[in-house]
Amino acid sequence: MQTPNDLSLKLEELAADYGAVCERLGTIGTGKAETWLKIREGTTSDRQADKLWEATLSGREEVGLRWRERGLLRQMSAIRTRLRVLSDEVKNMY
């Protein structure tokens, strides 16, 4: 069993990873606007342009980062829940 200190350190580490992922997504997003418009000119729908964007190197990276972002959020939520339970146990609130 991990101690609250271990959990808080892990939460801090995940938050730093989450920040890095969001920063990279922001960088990709600025380039996406211009590239996506060029892709859209040669397609008949936004959905088709989205699929073509996702086939690019930056598009694939964006999709991977979005999944990583979701995973990090869920891990951080689980750790917060565990910390809350441990805190309530100490206060005999369970």
C-alpha atoms as a PDB file:
ATOM      1  CA  MET A   1       0.000   0.000   0.000  1.00  0.00           C
ATOM      2  CA  GLN A   2       1.283   3.429  -0.905  1.00  0.00           C
ATOM      3  CA  THR A   3       1.464   6.192   1.659  1.00  0.00           C
ATOM      4  CA  PRO A   4      -0.296   9.530   1.134  1.00  0.00           C
ATOM      5  CA  ASN A   5       3.123  11.073   0.545  1.00  0.00           C
ATOM      6  CA  ASP A   6       3.877   8.533  -2.210  1.00  0.00           C
ATOM      7  CA  LEU A   7       0.498   9.217  -3.782  1.00  0.00           C
ATOM      8  CA  SER A   8       0.953  12.981  -3.687  1.00  0.00           C
ATOM      9  CA  LEU A   9       4.381  12.673  -5.317  1.00  0.00           C
ATOM     10  CA  LYS A  10       2.898  10.468  -8.040  1.00  0.00           C
ATOM     11  CA  LEU A  11       0.097  12.998  -8.523  1.00  0.00           C
ATOM     12  CA  GLU A  12       2.669  15.761  -8.889  1.00  0.00           C
ATOM     13  CA  GLU A  13       4.559  13.709 -11.481  1.00  0.00           C
ATOM     14  CA  LEU A  14       1.373  13.001 -13.449  1.00  0.00           C
ATOM     15  CA  ALA A  15       0.425  16.687 -13.329  1.00  0.00           C
ATOM     16  CA  ALA A  16       3.804  17.611 -14.800  1.00  0.00           C
ATOM     17  CA  ASP A  17       3.322  15.041 -17.569  1.00  0.00           C
ATOM     18  CA  TYR A  18      -0.177  16.401 -18.187  1.00  0.00           C
ATOM     19  CA  GLY A  19       1.214  19.917 -18.486  1.00  0.00           C
ATOM     20  CA  ALA A  20       3.804  18.778 -21.035  1.00  0.00           C
ATOM     21  CA  VAL A  21       1.140  16.972 -23.064  1.00  0.00           C
ATOM     22  CA  CYS A  22      -1.100  20.054 -23.070  1.00  0.00           C
ATOM     23  CA  GLU A  23       1.808  22.267 -24.096  1.00  0.00           C
ATOM     24  CA  ARG A  24       2.614  19.973 -27.026  1.00  0.00           C
ATOM     25  CA  LEU A  25      -1.066  19.851 -28.032  1.00  0.00           C
ATOM     26  CA  GLY A  26      -1.073  23.654 -28.077  1.00  0.00           C
ATOM     27  CA  THR A  27       1.930  23.683 -30.388  1.00  0.00           C
ATOM     28  CA  ILE A  28       0.324  21.165 -32.708  1.00  0.00           C
ATOM     29  CA  GLY A  29      -2.941  23.112 -32.623  1.00  0.00           C
ATOM     30  CA  THR A  30      -1.337  26.294 -33.897  1.00  0.00           C
ATOM     31  CA  GLY A  31       0.065  24.450 -36.907  1.00  0.00           C
ATOM     32  CA  LYS A  32      -3.130  22.494 -37.402  1.00  0.00           C
ATOM     33  CA  ALA A  33      -5.214  25.583 -38.158  1.00  0.00           C
ATOM     34  CA  GLU A  34      -3.212  26.491 -41.227  1.00  0.00           C
ATOM     35  CA  THR A  35      -2.610  22.949 -42.439  1.00  0.00           C
ATOM     36  CA  TRP A  36      -6.217  21.871 -41.914  1.00  0.00           C
ATOM     37  CA  LEU A  37      -7.519  24.749 -44.055  1.00  0.00           C
ATOM     38  CA  LYS A  38      -5.232  23.675 -46.902  1.00  0.00           C
ATOM     39  CA  ILE A  39      -6.425  20.097 -46.542  1.00  0.00           C
ATOM     40  CA  ARG A  40     -10.072  21.240 -46.444  1.00  0.00           C
ATOM     41  CA  GLU A  41      -9.754  23.013 -49.790  1.00  0.00           C
ATOM     42  CA  GLY A  42      -9.287  19.676 -51.533  1.00  0.00           C
ATOM     43  CA  THR A  43     -12.110  17.816 -49.800  1.00  0.00           C
ATOM     44  CA  THR A  44     -15.888  17.789 -49.825  1.00  0.00           C
ATOM     45  CA  SER A  45     -16.468  17.730 -46.059  1.00  0.00           C
ATOM     46  CA  ASP A  46     -14.951  18.671 -42.731  1.00  0.00           C
ATOM     47  CA  ARG A  47     -15.005  15.030 -41.671  1.00  0.00           C
ATOM     48  CA  GLN A  48     -12.951  14.021 -44.686  1.00  0.00           C
ATOM     49  CA  ALA A  49     -10.471  16.814 -43.931  1.00  0.00           C
ATOM     50  CA  ASP A  50     -10.261  15.635 -40.306  1.00  0.00           C
ATOM     51  CA  LYS A  51      -9.438  12.099 -41.426  1.00  0.00           C
ATOM     52  CA  LEU A  52      -6.759  13.374 -43.793  1.00  0.00           C
ATOM     53  CA  TRP A  53      -5.324  15.529 -40.995  1.00  0.00           C
ATOM     54  CA  GLU A  54      -5.213  12.513 -38.670  1.00  0.00           C
ATOM     55  CA  ALA A  55      -3.218  10.655 -41.338  1.00  0.00           C
ATOM     56  CA  THR A  56      -0.415  13.241 -41.186  1.00  0.00           C
ATOM     57  CA  LEU A  57       2.484  12.892 -38.768  1.00  0.00           C
ATOM     58  CA  SER A  58       1.246  15.797 -36.629  1.00  0.00           C
ATOM     59  CA  GLY A  59      -2.303  14.454 -36.772  1.00  0.00           C
ATOM     60  CA  ARG A  60      -1.227  11.040 -35.520  1.00  0.00           C
ATOM     61  CA  GLU A  61       0.771  12.684 -32.753  1.00  0.00           C
ATOM     62  CA  GLU A  62      -2.256  14.776 -31.782  1.00  0.00           C
ATOM     63  CA  VAL A  63      -4.489  11.705 -31.554  1.00  0.00           C
ATOM     64  CA  GLY A  64      -1.915   9.885 -29.426  1.00  0.00           C
ATOM     65  CA  LEU A  65      -1.509  12.866 -27.129  1.00  0.00           C
ATOM     66  CA  ARG A  66      -5.290  13.188 -26.693  1.00  0.00           C
ATOM     67  CA  TRP A  67      -5.467   9.555 -25.541  1.00  0.00           C
ATOM     68  CA  ARG A  68      -2.503  10.126 -23.216  1.00  0.00           C
ATOM     69  CA  GLU A  69      -4.194  13.249 -21.855  1.00  0.00           C
ATOM     70  CA  ARG A  70      -7.353  11.263 -21.036  1.00  0.00           C
ATOM     71  CA  GLY A  71      -5.335   8.547 -19.339  1.00  0.00           C
ATOM     72  CA  LEU A  72      -3.432  11.042 -17.219  1.00  0.00           C
ATOM     73  CA  LEU A  73      -6.656  12.745 -16.137  1.00  0.00           C
ATOM     74  CA  ARG A  74      -8.149   9.436 -15.039  1.00  0.00           C
ATOM     75  CA  GLN A  75      -5.023   8.427 -13.139  1.00  0.00           C
ATOM     76  CA  MET A  76      -4.914  11.786 -11.370  1.00  0.00           C
ATOM     77  CA  SER A  77      -8.596  11.476 -10.471  1.00  0.00           C
ATOM     78  CA  ALA A  78      -8.080   7.986  -9.035  1.00  0.00           C
ATOM     79  CA  ILE A  79      -5.159   9.189  -6.910  1.00  0.00           C
ATOM     80  CA  ARG A  80      -7.182  12.157  -5.621  1.00  0.00           C
ATOM     81  CA  THR A  81     -10.007   9.782  -4.689  1.00  0.00           C
ATOM     82  CA  ARG A  82      -7.585   7.499  -2.853  1.00  0.00           C
ATOM     83  CA  LEU A  83      -6.088  10.460  -0.979  1.00  0.00           C
ATOM     84  CA  ARG A  84      -9.579  11.612   0.029  1.00  0.00           C
ATOM     85  CA  VAL A  85     -10.446   8.119   1.308  1.00  0.00           C
ATOM     86  CA  LEU A  86      -7.213   7.929   3.294  1.00  0.00           C
ATOM     87  CA  SER A  87      -7.887  11.375   4.754  1.00  0.00           C
ATOM     88  CA  ASP A  88     -11.429  10.378   5.745  1.00  0.00           C
ATOM     89  CA  GLU A  89     -10.144   7.169   7.339  1.00  0.00           C
ATOM     90  CA  VAL A  90      -7.761   9.164   9.514  1.00  0.00           C
ATOM     91  CA  LYS A  91     -10.713  11.309  10.631  1.00  0.00           C
ATOM     92  CA  ASN A  92     -12.872   8.193  11.237  1.00  0.00           C
ATOM     93  CA  MET A  93     -15.335   9.414   8.606  1.00  0.00           C
ATOM     94  CA  TYR A  94     -15.700   6.137   6.733  1.00  0.00           C
END
